[in-house]
């Protein structure tokens, strides 16, 4: 941590704010601790996140609640089949100078010019509009009419999609899925949690969520994440984990060879390391452990595996395949952390 111009007290104060974010979200969101944690990991690692779950599991509410705990500009875009790229990025409008009578084009910024963009039901919009997000997500800037417009930092895209609405939807291409740091699945609540949801949502409004973190805090936390230590043995383990998801790799498990067309690329390893560092920081540690890597592996890899038809026929999904890689890979020896 020596490369940061922060005292231990300043870092501790930021970590306390992180814990406060979780506490504020719990005022509205019942359960889903793992989903909230993975959202925060994505935020700290400086990447984008996609949430998938059936309707009614509070995916949109989760993202909007997170936005309320952060002192950031927030925009929500409901993705629909008729949404155009200009509706997202912005467009040029013709204006007139009332003093001189001259007419000129002025770029009108779209909702993507924000800190936190909720792309709601992203798989309901055509590929043309989905592709408009590619440059923004990767470069944090757009090019329009020969000019480059840079977005303010930090910038995150948090997208939601429903797996059950197949008619009239456009599955995200692999190239765009790979732009998302994590792919988070939102499961049904437990019986106790569902009863608590009924109590909270059918009675008087609960406490208001208070903003906790600002833009500068988030940028600073992202710098701290990159300073978290990771040993060479864990880097080697992460490399092997990603490589063993490829059917062409000699050491890949049999399930990978049988059911995967294309495995994860190098971006998956980057995501794993950054997210493991963010997970360690969330738990108050400044060095990565093996559990940090294995705990986030499924969310970091599930959307980066391209399965074949045999996998669908046999009911094998990406989660089972990631589990097979984790089971086959021996734990690294001589860990420094």
C-alpha atoms as a PDB file:
ATOM      1  CA  UNK A   1       0.000   0.000   0.000  1.00  0.00           C
ATOM      2  CA  UNK A   2       3.053   2.281  -0.085  1.00  0.00           C
ATOM      3  CA  UNK A   3       2.242   3.724  -3.510  1.00  0.00           C
ATOM      4  CA  UNK A   4      -0.915   5.435  -2.211  1.00  0.00           C
ATOM      5  CA  UNK A   5      -0.867   8.880  -0.628  1.00  0.00           C
ATOM      6  CA  UNK A   6      -3.289   7.770   2.062  1.00  0.00           C
ATOM      7  CA  UNK A   7      -2.869   7.191   5.754  1.00  0.00           C
ATOM      8  CA  UNK A   8      -4.131   4.049   7.484  1.00  0.00           C
ATOM      9  CA  UNK A   9      -6.886   6.116   9.100  1.00  0.00           C
ATOM     10  CA  UNK A  10      -8.074   7.418   5.712  1.00  0.00           C
ATOM     11  CA  UNK A  11      -8.160   3.901   4.273  1.00  0.00           C
ATOM     12  CA  UNK A  12     -10.012   2.611   7.342  1.00  0.00           C
ATOM     13  CA  UNK A  13     -12.572   5.408   6.983  1.00  0.00           C
ATOM     14  CA  UNK A  14     -13.219   4.438   3.356  1.00  0.00           C
ATOM     15  CA  UNK A  15     -13.635   0.782   4.305  1.00  0.00           C
ATOM     16  CA  UNK A  16     -16.173   1.790   6.952  1.00  0.00           C
ATOM     17  CA  UNK A  17     -18.096   3.687   4.263  1.00  0.00           C
ATOM     18  CA  UNK A  18     -18.111   0.513   2.164  1.00  0.00           C
ATOM     19  CA  UNK A  19     -19.722  -1.381   5.032  1.00  0.00           C
ATOM     20  CA  UNK A  20     -22.242   1.456   5.389  1.00  0.00           C
ATOM     21  CA  UNK A  21     -23.256   1.014   1.723  1.00  0.00           C
ATOM     22  CA  UNK A  22     -24.271  -2.576   2.456  1.00  0.00           C
ATOM     23  CA  UNK A  23     -26.172  -1.478   5.557  1.00  0.00           C
ATOM     24  CA  UNK A  24     -28.047   1.220   3.637  1.00  0.00           C
ATOM     25  CA  UNK A  25     -29.007  -1.219   0.878  1.00  0.00           C
ATOM     26  CA  UNK A  26     -30.346  -3.672   3.462  1.00  0.00           C
ATOM     27  CA  UNK A  27     -32.992  -1.064   4.366  1.00  0.00           C
ATOM     28  CA  UNK A  28     -34.655  -1.798   1.028  1.00  0.00           C
ATOM     29  CA  UNK A  29     -33.221  -5.090  -0.254  1.00  0.00           C
ATOM     30  CA  UNK A  30     -34.073  -8.262   1.680  1.00  0.00           C
ATOM     31  CA  UNK A  31     -31.399 -10.961   1.512  1.00  0.00           C
ATOM     32  CA  UNK A  32     -29.382 -11.268  -1.720  1.00  0.00           C
ATOM     33  CA  UNK A  33     -26.154 -10.599   0.213  1.00  0.00           C
ATOM     34  CA  UNK A  34     -24.026 -12.345  -2.404  1.00  0.00           C
ATOM     35  CA  UNK A  35     -25.582 -10.333  -5.245  1.00  0.00           C
ATOM     36  CA  UNK A  36     -25.009  -7.049  -3.374  1.00  0.00           C
ATOM     37  CA  UNK A  37     -21.422  -8.094  -2.649  1.00  0.00           C
ATOM     38  CA  UNK A  38     -20.780  -8.917  -6.313  1.00  0.00           C
ATOM     39  CA  UNK A  39     -22.234  -5.556  -7.352  1.00  0.00           C
ATOM     40  CA  UNK A  40     -19.822  -3.804  -4.976  1.00  0.00           C
ATOM     41  CA  UNK A  41     -16.920  -5.941  -6.217  1.00  0.00           C
ATOM     42  CA  UNK A  42     -17.683  -4.867  -9.779  1.00  0.00           C
ATOM     43  CA  UNK A  43     -17.839  -1.249  -8.642  1.00  0.00           C
ATOM     44  CA  UNK A  44     -14.503  -1.433  -6.792  1.00  0.00           C
ATOM     45  CA  UNK A  45     -12.792  -3.273  -9.628  1.00  0.00           C
ATOM     46  CA  UNK A  46     -13.909  -0.570 -12.072  1.00  0.00           C
ATOM     47  CA  UNK A  47     -15.908  -2.874 -14.327  1.00  0.00           C
ATOM     48  CA  UNK A  48     -19.427  -3.334 -15.614  1.00  0.00           C
ATOM     49  CA  UNK A  49     -21.909  -5.904 -14.336  1.00  0.00           C
ATOM     50  CA  UNK A  50     -24.885  -7.750 -15.745  1.00  0.00           C
ATOM     51  CA  UNK A  51     -27.655  -9.179 -13.557  1.00  0.00           C
ATOM     52  CA  UNK A  52     -29.888 -11.992 -14.773  1.00  0.00           C
ATOM     53  CA  UNK A  53     -32.972 -13.295 -13.045  1.00  0.00           C
ATOM     54  CA  UNK A  54     -36.656 -13.905 -13.573  1.00  0.00           C
ATOM     55  CA  UNK A  55     -39.004 -10.906 -13.265  1.00  0.00           C
ATOM     56  CA  UNK A  56     -39.856  -9.713  -9.790  1.00  0.00           C
ATOM     57  CA  UNK A  57     -36.527 -10.402  -8.052  1.00  0.00           C
ATOM     58  CA  UNK A  58     -35.771  -6.691  -7.510  1.00  0.00           C
ATOM     59  CA  UNK A  59     -32.895  -6.467 -10.014  1.00  0.00           C
ATOM     60  CA  UNK A  60     -33.828  -2.923 -11.018  1.00  0.00           C
ATOM     61  CA  UNK A  61     -34.552  -1.954  -7.409  1.00  0.00           C
ATOM     62  CA  UNK A  62     -31.149  -3.292  -6.375  1.00  0.00           C
ATOM     63  CA  UNK A  63     -29.299  -1.126  -8.885  1.00  0.00           C
ATOM     64  CA  UNK A  64     -31.367   1.989  -8.188  1.00  0.00           C
ATOM     65  CA  UNK A  65     -30.876   1.506  -4.429  1.00  0.00           C
ATOM     66  CA  UNK A  66     -27.122   1.193  -4.950  1.00  0.00           C
ATOM     67  CA  UNK A  67     -27.242   4.422  -6.940  1.00  0.00           C
ATOM     68  CA  UNK A  68     -28.986   6.169  -4.044  1.00  0.00           C
ATOM     69  CA  UNK A  69     -26.190   5.149  -1.663  1.00  0.00           C
ATOM     70  CA  UNK A  70     -23.647   6.742  -4.008  1.00  0.00           C
ATOM     71  CA  UNK A  71     -23.354  10.468  -4.652  1.00  0.00           C
ATOM     72  CA  UNK A  72     -23.152   9.870  -8.391  1.00  0.00           C
ATOM     73  CA  UNK A  73     -25.100  10.929 -11.458  1.00  0.00           C
ATOM     74  CA  UNK A  74     -27.545   8.140 -12.274  1.00  0.00           C
ATOM     75  CA  UNK A  75     -29.547   7.393 -15.404  1.00  0.00           C
ATOM     76  CA  UNK A  76     -31.915   4.543 -16.159  1.00  0.00           C
ATOM     77  CA  UNK A  77     -32.673   3.497 -19.735  1.00  0.00           C
ATOM     78  CA  UNK A  78     -35.443   0.995 -20.415  1.00  0.00           C
ATOM     79  CA  UNK A  79     -34.191  -1.002 -23.393  1.00  0.00           C
ATOM     80  CA  UNK A  80     -36.966  -1.698 -25.894  1.00  0.00           C
ATOM     81  CA  UNK A  81     -37.074  -3.121 -29.448  1.00  0.00           C
ATOM     82  CA  UNK A  82     -37.386   0.391 -30.931  1.00  0.00           C
ATOM     83  CA  UNK A  83     -34.536   1.985 -28.946  1.00  0.00           C
ATOM     84  CA  UNK A  84     -31.974   3.585 -31.271  1.00  0.00           C
ATOM     85  CA  UNK A  85     -28.264   4.308 -30.610  1.00  0.00           C
ATOM     86  CA  UNK A  86     -28.958   8.060 -30.634  1.00  0.00           C
ATOM     87  CA  UNK A  87     -31.486   7.550 -27.816  1.00  0.00           C
ATOM     88  CA  UNK A  88     -28.584   6.245 -25.766  1.00  0.00           C
ATOM     89  CA  UNK A  89     -25.558   8.230 -26.902  1.00  0.00           C
ATOM     90  CA  UNK A  90     -27.102  11.526 -27.950  1.00  0.00           C
ATOM     91  CA  UNK A  91     -27.470  13.379 -31.228  1.00  0.00           C
ATOM     92  CA  UNK A  92     -26.756  16.702 -32.928  1.00  0.00           C
ATOM     93  CA  UNK A  93     -29.505  19.289 -32.917  1.00  0.00           C
ATOM     94  CA  UNK A  94     -29.760  22.443 -34.999  1.00  0.00           C
ATOM     95  CA  UNK A  95     -29.710  25.629 -32.942  1.00  0.00           C
ATOM     96  CA  UNK A  96     -29.807  29.304 -33.814  1.00  0.00           C
ATOM     97  CA  UNK A  97     -27.813  32.151 -32.267  1.00  0.00           C
ATOM     98  CA  UNK A  98     -30.493  34.772 -31.642  1.00  0.00           C
ATOM     99  CA  UNK A  99     -27.897  37.550 -31.655  1.00  0.00           C
ATOM    100  CA  UNK A 100     -26.362  36.824 -35.072  1.00  0.00           C
ATOM    101  CA  UNK A 101     -29.040  34.644 -36.641  1.00  0.00           C
ATOM    102  CA  UNK A 102     -26.416  31.982 -37.391  1.00  0.00           C
ATOM    103  CA  UNK A 103     -27.419  28.351 -37.253  1.00  0.00           C
ATOM    104  CA  UNK A 104     -25.141  25.654 -35.920  1.00  0.00           C
ATOM    105  CA  UNK A 105     -25.187  22.043 -34.818  1.00  0.00           C
ATOM    106  CA  UNK A 106     -24.823  21.289 -31.128  1.00  0.00           C
ATOM    107  CA  UNK A 107     -24.268  17.846 -29.651  1.00  0.00           C
ATOM    108  CA  UNK A 108     -27.036  16.940 -27.214  1.00  0.00           C
ATOM    109  CA  UNK A 109     -25.670  14.378 -24.772  1.00  0.00           C
ATOM    110  CA  UNK A 110     -27.669  11.228 -24.197  1.00  0.00           C
ATOM    111  CA  UNK A 111     -28.285   9.352 -20.944  1.00  0.00           C
ATOM    112  CA  UNK A 112     -25.000   7.462 -21.293  1.00  0.00           C
ATOM    113  CA  UNK A 113     -23.247  10.621 -20.079  1.00  0.00           C
ATOM    114  CA  UNK A 114     -23.550   9.760 -16.422  1.00  0.00           C
ATOM    115  CA  UNK A 115     -21.613   7.945 -13.714  1.00  0.00           C
ATOM    116  CA  UNK A 116     -23.954   4.987 -13.253  1.00  0.00           C
ATOM    117  CA  UNK A 117     -26.067   3.766 -16.158  1.00  0.00           C
ATOM    118  CA  UNK A 118     -28.791   1.196 -15.561  1.00  0.00           C
ATOM    119  CA  UNK A 119     -29.394  -0.611 -18.842  1.00  0.00           C
ATOM    120  CA  UNK A 120     -32.702  -2.242 -17.942  1.00  0.00           C
ATOM    121  CA  UNK A 121     -33.622  -5.410 -19.880  1.00  0.00           C
ATOM    122  CA  UNK A 122     -30.661  -5.029 -22.202  1.00  0.00           C
ATOM    123  CA  UNK A 123     -31.563  -8.150 -24.186  1.00  0.00           C
ATOM    124  CA  UNK A 124     -34.813  -6.571 -25.414  1.00  0.00           C
ATOM    125  CA  UNK A 125     -33.077  -4.086 -27.726  1.00  0.00           C
ATOM    126  CA  UNK A 126     -31.631  -4.872 -31.197  1.00  0.00           C
ATOM    127  CA  UNK A 127     -27.894  -5.522 -31.794  1.00  0.00           C
ATOM    128  CA  UNK A 128     -27.409  -2.079 -33.343  1.00  0.00           C
ATOM    129  CA  UNK A 129     -28.209  -0.388 -30.040  1.00  0.00           C
ATOM    130  CA  UNK A 130     -26.420  -3.046 -27.978  1.00  0.00           C
ATOM    131  CA  UNK A 131     -23.276  -2.416 -30.041  1.00  0.00           C
ATOM    132  CA  UNK A 132     -23.506   1.314 -29.338  1.00  0.00           C
ATOM    133  CA  UNK A 133     -22.534   0.475 -25.761  1.00  0.00           C
ATOM    134  CA  UNK A 134     -19.311  -1.295 -26.804  1.00  0.00           C
ATOM    135  CA  UNK A 135     -17.060   1.746 -27.206  1.00  0.00           C
ATOM    136  CA  UNK A 136     -18.598   3.467 -24.202  1.00  0.00           C
ATOM    137  CA  UNK A 137     -18.011   0.487 -21.936  1.00  0.00           C
ATOM    138  CA  UNK A 138     -14.442  -0.072 -23.098  1.00  0.00           C
ATOM    139  CA  UNK A 139     -13.207   3.466 -23.757  1.00  0.00           C
ATOM    140  CA  UNK A 140     -15.460   5.543 -21.472  1.00  0.00           C
ATOM    141  CA  UNK A 141     -15.944   7.833 -24.470  1.00  0.00           C
ATOM    142  CA  UNK A 142     -17.942   8.017 -27.703  1.00  0.00           C
ATOM    143  CA  UNK A 143     -17.148   9.267 -31.181  1.00  0.00           C
ATOM    144  CA  UNK A 144     -19.838  11.302 -32.938  1.00  0.00           C
ATOM    145  CA  UNK A 145     -19.528  13.343 -36.141  1.00  0.00           C
ATOM    146  CA  UNK A 146     -15.744  13.127 -35.979  1.00  0.00           C
ATOM    147  CA  UNK A 147     -15.510  14.350 -32.399  1.00  0.00           C
ATOM    148  CA  UNK A 148     -14.601  12.387 -29.303  1.00  0.00           C
ATOM    149  CA  UNK A 149     -16.694  12.986 -26.200  1.00  0.00           C
ATOM    150  CA  UNK A 150     -15.183  11.710 -22.954  1.00  0.00           C
ATOM    151  CA  UNK A 151     -17.397  10.615 -20.064  1.00  0.00           C
ATOM    152  CA  UNK A 152     -16.772  11.692 -16.492  1.00  0.00           C
ATOM    153  CA  UNK A 153     -15.289   9.200 -14.042  1.00  0.00           C
ATOM    154  CA  UNK A 154     -16.240   6.874 -12.550  1.00  0.00           C
ATOM    155  CA  UNK A 155     -18.481   5.245 -15.151  1.00  0.00           C
ATOM    156  CA  UNK A 156     -20.333   1.959 -14.759  1.00  0.00           C
ATOM    157  CA  UNK A 157     -22.918   0.087 -16.790  1.00  0.00           C
ATOM    158  CA  UNK A 158     -25.135  -2.152 -14.684  1.00  0.00           C
ATOM    159  CA  UNK A 159     -27.422  -4.129 -16.973  1.00  0.00           C
ATOM    160  CA  UNK A 160     -30.353  -6.426 -16.231  1.00  0.00           C
ATOM    161  CA  UNK A 161     -31.931  -9.136 -18.335  1.00  0.00           C
ATOM    162  CA  UNK A 162     -34.685 -11.719 -17.920  1.00  0.00           C
ATOM    163  CA  UNK A 163     -33.866 -15.292 -18.996  1.00  0.00           C
ATOM    164  CA  UNK A 164     -37.496 -16.302 -19.498  1.00  0.00           C
ATOM    165  CA  UNK A 165     -38.526 -13.657 -22.032  1.00  0.00           C
ATOM    166  CA  UNK A 166     -37.154 -15.304 -25.174  1.00  0.00           C
ATOM    167  CA  UNK A 167     -39.745 -14.093 -27.691  1.00  0.00           C
ATOM    168  CA  UNK A 168     -38.718 -10.764 -29.151  1.00  0.00           C
ATOM    169  CA  UNK A 169     -35.339 -10.668 -27.402  1.00  0.00           C
ATOM    170  CA  UNK A 170     -31.826 -10.331 -28.770  1.00  0.00           C
ATOM    171  CA  UNK A 171     -29.197 -12.326 -26.843  1.00  0.00           C
ATOM    172  CA  UNK A 172     -26.033 -10.340 -26.245  1.00  0.00           C
ATOM    173  CA  UNK A 173     -23.146 -11.395 -28.520  1.00  0.00           C
ATOM    174  CA  UNK A 174     -20.071 -12.931 -26.894  1.00  0.00           C
ATOM    175  CA  UNK A 175     -17.970  -9.843 -27.686  1.00  0.00           C
ATOM    176  CA  UNK A 176     -20.275  -7.632 -25.639  1.00  0.00           C
ATOM    177  CA  UNK A 177     -20.755 -10.143 -22.843  1.00  0.00           C
ATOM    178  CA  UNK A 178     -16.982 -10.184 -22.436  1.00  0.00           C
ATOM    179  CA  UNK A 179     -17.095  -6.432 -21.730  1.00  0.00           C
ATOM    180  CA  UNK A 180     -18.948  -7.175 -18.514  1.00  0.00           C
ATOM    181  CA  UNK A 181     -16.623  -7.870 -15.626  1.00  0.00           C
ATOM    182  CA  UNK A 182     -19.168 -10.075 -13.843  1.00  0.00           C
ATOM    183  CA  UNK A 183     -22.319 -11.945 -14.805  1.00  0.00           C
ATOM    184  CA  UNK A 184     -24.449 -12.166 -11.658  1.00  0.00           C
ATOM    185  CA  UNK A 185     -27.409 -14.542 -11.334  1.00  0.00           C
ATOM    186  CA  UNK A 186     -30.209 -13.409  -9.025  1.00  0.00           C
ATOM    187  CA  UNK A 187     -31.930 -16.392  -7.407  1.00  0.00           C
ATOM    188  CA  UNK A 188     -35.315 -16.713  -5.726  1.00  0.00           C
ATOM    189  CA  UNK A 189     -35.376 -15.631  -2.064  1.00  0.00           C
ATOM    190  CA  UNK A 190     -35.690 -18.146   0.762  1.00  0.00           C
ATOM    191  CA  UNK A 191     -39.083 -18.647   2.439  1.00  0.00           C
ATOM    192  CA  UNK A 192     -38.086 -16.417   5.372  1.00  0.00           C
ATOM    193  CA  UNK A 193     -36.777 -13.708   3.044  1.00  0.00           C
ATOM    194  CA  UNK A 194     -39.921 -13.834   0.918  1.00  0.00           C
ATOM    195  CA  UNK A 195     -42.075 -13.337   4.013  1.00  0.00           C
ATOM    196  CA  UNK A 196     -39.900 -10.368   5.013  1.00  0.00           C
ATOM    197  CA  UNK A 197     -40.349  -8.928   1.505  1.00  0.00           C
ATOM    198  CA  UNK A 198     -44.117  -9.158   1.885  1.00  0.00           C
ATOM    199  CA  UNK A 199     -43.950  -7.342   5.234  1.00  0.00           C
ATOM    200  CA  UNK A 200     -41.720  -4.557   3.913  1.00  0.00           C
ATOM    201  CA  UNK A 201     -43.536  -3.931   0.658  1.00  0.00           C
ATOM    202  CA  UNK A 202     -47.106  -4.001   1.965  1.00  0.00           C
ATOM    203  CA  UNK A 203     -46.678  -1.782   5.024  1.00  0.00           C
ATOM    204  CA  UNK A 204     -45.680   1.835   5.595  1.00  0.00           C
ATOM    205  CA  UNK A 205     -42.602   3.011   3.636  1.00  0.00           C
ATOM    206  CA  UNK A 206     -39.322   2.029   5.267  1.00  0.00           C
ATOM    207  CA  UNK A 207     -36.383   4.281   6.098  1.00  0.00           C
ATOM    208  CA  UNK A 208     -34.878   6.346   3.325  1.00  0.00           C
ATOM    209  CA  UNK A 209     -31.527   5.274   1.915  1.00  0.00           C
ATOM    210  CA  UNK A 210     -28.776   7.771   2.656  1.00  0.00           C
ATOM    211  CA  UNK A 211     -25.865   8.516   0.273  1.00  0.00           C
ATOM    212  CA  UNK A 212     -22.576   7.204   1.637  1.00  0.00           C
ATOM    213  CA  UNK A 213     -19.853   7.236  -1.037  1.00  0.00           C
ATOM    214  CA  UNK A 214     -18.971   9.959  -3.534  1.00  0.00           C
ATOM    215  CA  UNK A 215     -17.178   9.875  -6.878  1.00  0.00           C
ATOM    216  CA  UNK A 216     -13.782  10.710  -5.353  1.00  0.00           C
ATOM    217  CA  UNK A 217     -14.196   7.972  -2.750  1.00  0.00           C
ATOM    218  CA  UNK A 218     -14.926   5.386  -5.429  1.00  0.00           C
ATOM    219  CA  UNK A 219     -11.953   6.412  -7.586  1.00  0.00           C
ATOM    220  CA  UNK A 220      -9.714   6.227  -4.506  1.00  0.00           C
ATOM    221  CA  UNK A 221     -11.065   2.786  -3.570  1.00  0.00           C
ATOM    222  CA  UNK A 222     -10.355   1.594  -7.104  1.00  0.00           C
ATOM    223  CA  UNK A 223      -6.741   2.706  -6.674  1.00  0.00           C
ATOM    224  CA  UNK A 224      -6.552   0.858  -3.362  1.00  0.00           C
ATOM    225  CA  UNK A 225      -7.921  -2.307  -5.006  1.00  0.00           C
ATOM    226  CA  UNK A 226      -5.103  -2.305  -7.550  1.00  0.00           C
ATOM    227  CA  UNK A 227      -2.589  -2.006  -4.702  1.00  0.00           C
ATOM    228  CA  UNK A 228      -3.886  -5.120  -2.935  1.00  0.00           C
ATOM    229  CA  UNK A 229      -1.168  -7.805  -2.975  1.00  0.00           C
ATOM    230  CA  UNK A 230      -1.445 -11.131  -4.795  1.00  0.00           C
ATOM    231  CA  UNK A 231       1.247 -13.815  -4.682  1.00  0.00           C
ATOM    232  CA  UNK A 232       2.919 -15.396  -7.712  1.00  0.00           C
ATOM    233  CA  UNK A 233       1.428 -18.780  -6.804  1.00  0.00           C
ATOM    234  CA  UNK A 234      -2.099 -17.334  -6.890  1.00  0.00           C
ATOM    235  CA  UNK A 235      -1.399 -15.598 -10.201  1.00  0.00           C
ATOM    236  CA  UNK A 236      -0.256 -18.959 -11.576  1.00  0.00           C
ATOM    237  CA  UNK A 237      -3.404 -20.594 -10.168  1.00  0.00           C
ATOM    238  CA  UNK A 238      -5.591 -17.952 -11.850  1.00  0.00           C
ATOM    239  CA  UNK A 239      -3.780 -18.433 -15.164  1.00  0.00           C
ATOM    240  CA  UNK A 240      -4.302 -22.199 -14.980  1.00  0.00           C
ATOM    241  CA  UNK A 241      -7.950 -21.730 -14.029  1.00  0.00           C
ATOM    242  CA  UNK A 242      -8.650 -19.617 -17.105  1.00  0.00           C
ATOM    243  CA  UNK A 243      -6.595 -21.786 -19.479  1.00  0.00           C
ATOM    244  CA  UNK A 244      -8.293 -24.974 -18.276  1.00  0.00           C
ATOM    245  CA  UNK A 245     -11.641 -23.551 -19.414  1.00  0.00           C
ATOM    246  CA  UNK A 246     -10.449 -23.987 -23.034  1.00  0.00           C
ATOM    247  CA  UNK A 247     -11.120 -27.348 -24.732  1.00  0.00           C
ATOM    248  CA  UNK A 248      -7.842 -27.096 -26.665  1.00  0.00           C
ATOM    249  CA  UNK A 249      -5.821 -27.064 -23.423  1.00  0.00           C
ATOM    250  CA  UNK A 250      -4.307 -30.515 -22.663  1.00  0.00           C
ATOM    251  CA  UNK A 251      -4.975 -30.158 -18.912  1.00  0.00           C
ATOM    252  CA  UNK A 252      -8.644 -29.133 -19.351  1.00  0.00           C
ATOM    253  CA  UNK A 253     -11.174 -31.430 -17.613  1.00  0.00           C
ATOM    254  CA  UNK A 254     -13.167 -33.907 -19.690  1.00  0.00           C
ATOM    255  CA  UNK A 255     -16.363 -31.875 -19.274  1.00  0.00           C
ATOM    256  CA  UNK A 256     -14.697 -28.841 -20.834  1.00  0.00           C
ATOM    257  CA  UNK A 257     -13.523 -30.887 -23.823  1.00  0.00           C
ATOM    258  CA  UNK A 258     -16.976 -32.425 -24.241  1.00  0.00           C
ATOM    259  CA  UNK A 259     -19.207 -29.367 -23.829  1.00  0.00           C
ATOM    260  CA  UNK A 260     -17.265 -26.162 -24.580  1.00  0.00           C
ATOM    261  CA  UNK A 261     -16.648 -24.691 -28.033  1.00  0.00           C
ATOM    262  CA  UNK A 262     -14.607 -21.711 -26.847  1.00  0.00           C
ATOM    263  CA  UNK A 263     -13.196 -21.070 -23.417  1.00  0.00           C
ATOM    264  CA  UNK A 264     -12.417 -17.861 -21.558  1.00  0.00           C
ATOM    265  CA  UNK A 265      -9.863 -15.416 -22.933  1.00  0.00           C
ATOM    266  CA  UNK A 266      -7.179 -13.353 -21.167  1.00  0.00           C
ATOM    267  CA  UNK A 267      -9.752 -10.742 -20.123  1.00  0.00           C
ATOM    268  CA  UNK A 268     -11.220 -13.388 -17.815  1.00  0.00           C
ATOM    269  CA  UNK A 269      -7.929 -13.639 -15.927  1.00  0.00           C
ATOM    270  CA  UNK A 270      -7.808  -9.865 -15.533  1.00  0.00           C
ATOM    271  CA  UNK A 271     -11.369  -9.904 -14.204  1.00  0.00           C
ATOM    272  CA  UNK A 272     -10.565 -12.700 -11.749  1.00  0.00           C
ATOM    273  CA  UNK A 273      -7.523 -10.947 -10.299  1.00  0.00           C
ATOM    274  CA  UNK A 274      -9.209  -7.545  -9.984  1.00  0.00           C
ATOM    275  CA  UNK A 275     -12.373  -9.009  -8.485  1.00  0.00           C
ATOM    276  CA  UNK A 276     -10.372 -11.160  -6.049  1.00  0.00           C
ATOM    277  CA  UNK A 277      -8.532  -8.027  -4.924  1.00  0.00           C
ATOM    278  CA  UNK A 278     -11.838  -6.180  -4.513  1.00  0.00           C
ATOM    279  CA  UNK A 279     -13.268  -9.116  -2.544  1.00  0.00           C
ATOM    280  CA  UNK A 280     -10.250  -9.075  -0.236  1.00  0.00           C
ATOM    281  CA  UNK A 281     -10.631  -5.339   0.338  1.00  0.00           C
ATOM    282  CA  UNK A 282     -14.350  -5.724   1.098  1.00  0.00           C
ATOM    283  CA  UNK A 283     -13.326  -8.126   3.833  1.00  0.00           C
ATOM    284  CA  UNK A 284     -10.745  -5.722   5.234  1.00  0.00           C
ATOM    285  CA  UNK A 285      -7.690  -7.511   3.840  1.00  0.00           C
ATOM    286  CA  UNK A 286      -4.883  -6.137   1.687  1.00  0.00           C
ATOM    287  CA  UNK A 287      -3.731  -9.465   0.258  1.00  0.00           C
ATOM    288  CA  UNK A 288      -5.621 -11.980  -1.891  1.00  0.00           C
ATOM    289  CA  UNK A 289      -6.350 -15.497  -0.642  1.00  0.00           C
ATOM    290  CA  UNK A 290      -7.379 -18.581  -2.584  1.00  0.00           C
ATOM    291  CA  UNK A 291     -10.966 -18.189  -1.354  1.00  0.00           C
ATOM    292  CA  UNK A 292     -11.124 -14.711  -2.914  1.00  0.00           C
ATOM    293  CA  UNK A 293     -10.420 -16.247  -6.331  1.00  0.00           C
ATOM    294  CA  UNK A 294     -12.620 -19.339  -6.075  1.00  0.00           C
ATOM    295  CA  UNK A 295     -15.474 -17.329  -4.549  1.00  0.00           C
ATOM    296  CA  UNK A 296     -15.750 -15.019  -7.545  1.00  0.00           C
ATOM    297  CA  UNK A 297     -14.737 -17.497 -10.278  1.00  0.00           C
ATOM    298  CA  UNK A 298     -18.244 -18.501 -11.353  1.00  0.00           C
ATOM    299  CA  UNK A 299     -19.501 -14.910 -11.772  1.00  0.00           C
ATOM    300  CA  UNK A 300     -16.338 -13.973 -13.674  1.00  0.00           C
ATOM    301  CA  UNK A 301     -16.297 -16.982 -16.020  1.00  0.00           C
ATOM    302  CA  UNK A 302     -19.888 -18.157 -16.644  1.00  0.00           C
ATOM    303  CA  UNK A 303     -20.533 -15.650 -19.472  1.00  0.00           C
ATOM    304  CA  UNK A 304     -17.149 -16.234 -21.099  1.00  0.00           C
ATOM    305  CA  UNK A 305     -17.710 -19.895 -21.991  1.00  0.00           C
ATOM    306  CA  UNK A 306     -19.328 -20.683 -25.338  1.00  0.00           C
ATOM    307  CA  UNK A 307     -21.110 -24.027 -24.975  1.00  0.00           C
ATOM    308  CA  UNK A 308     -21.885 -26.478 -27.770  1.00  0.00           C
ATOM    309  CA  UNK A 309     -25.205 -28.131 -28.640  1.00  0.00           C
ATOM    310  CA  UNK A 310     -24.330 -31.266 -26.669  1.00  0.00           C
ATOM    311  CA  UNK A 311     -24.191 -29.222 -23.466  1.00  0.00           C
ATOM    312  CA  UNK A 312     -27.728 -27.973 -24.040  1.00  0.00           C
ATOM    313  CA  UNK A 313     -28.944 -31.468 -24.875  1.00  0.00           C
ATOM    314  CA  UNK A 314     -27.411 -32.902 -21.695  1.00  0.00           C
ATOM    315  CA  UNK A 315     -28.592 -30.033 -19.481  1.00  0.00           C
ATOM    316  CA  UNK A 316     -25.056 -28.861 -18.673  1.00  0.00           C
ATOM    317  CA  UNK A 317     -24.700 -25.137 -17.992  1.00  0.00           C
ATOM    318  CA  UNK A 318     -21.680 -22.869 -17.601  1.00  0.00           C
ATOM    319  CA  UNK A 319     -21.841 -22.988 -13.785  1.00  0.00           C
ATOM    320  CA  UNK A 320     -21.340 -26.765 -13.788  1.00  0.00           C
ATOM    321  CA  UNK A 321     -18.414 -26.398 -16.166  1.00  0.00           C
ATOM    322  CA  UNK A 322     -16.711 -23.749 -14.019  1.00  0.00           C
ATOM    323  CA  UNK A 323     -17.215 -26.036 -11.012  1.00  0.00           C
ATOM    324  CA  UNK A 324     -15.548 -28.893 -12.903  1.00  0.00           C
ATOM    325  CA  UNK A 325     -12.496 -26.719 -13.611  1.00  0.00           C
ATOM    326  CA  UNK A 326     -12.267 -25.640  -9.969  1.00  0.00           C
ATOM    327  CA  UNK A 327     -12.553 -29.254  -8.740  1.00  0.00           C
ATOM    328  CA  UNK A 328      -9.875 -30.526 -11.140  1.00  0.00           C
ATOM    329  CA  UNK A 329      -7.350 -27.777 -10.395  1.00  0.00           C
ATOM    330  CA  UNK A 330      -5.155 -28.505  -7.358  1.00  0.00           C
ATOM    331  CA  UNK A 331      -4.704 -25.762  -4.782  1.00  0.00           C
ATOM    332  CA  UNK A 332      -1.391 -23.910  -5.141  1.00  0.00           C
ATOM    333  CA  UNK A 333       1.372 -24.891  -2.772  1.00  0.00           C
ATOM    334  CA  UNK A 334       3.542 -22.474  -0.833  1.00  0.00           C
ATOM    335  CA  UNK A 335       0.962 -19.675  -0.639  1.00  0.00           C
ATOM    336  CA  UNK A 336       2.328 -16.363   0.544  1.00  0.00           C
ATOM    337  CA  UNK A 337      -1.099 -15.071   1.586  1.00  0.00           C
END
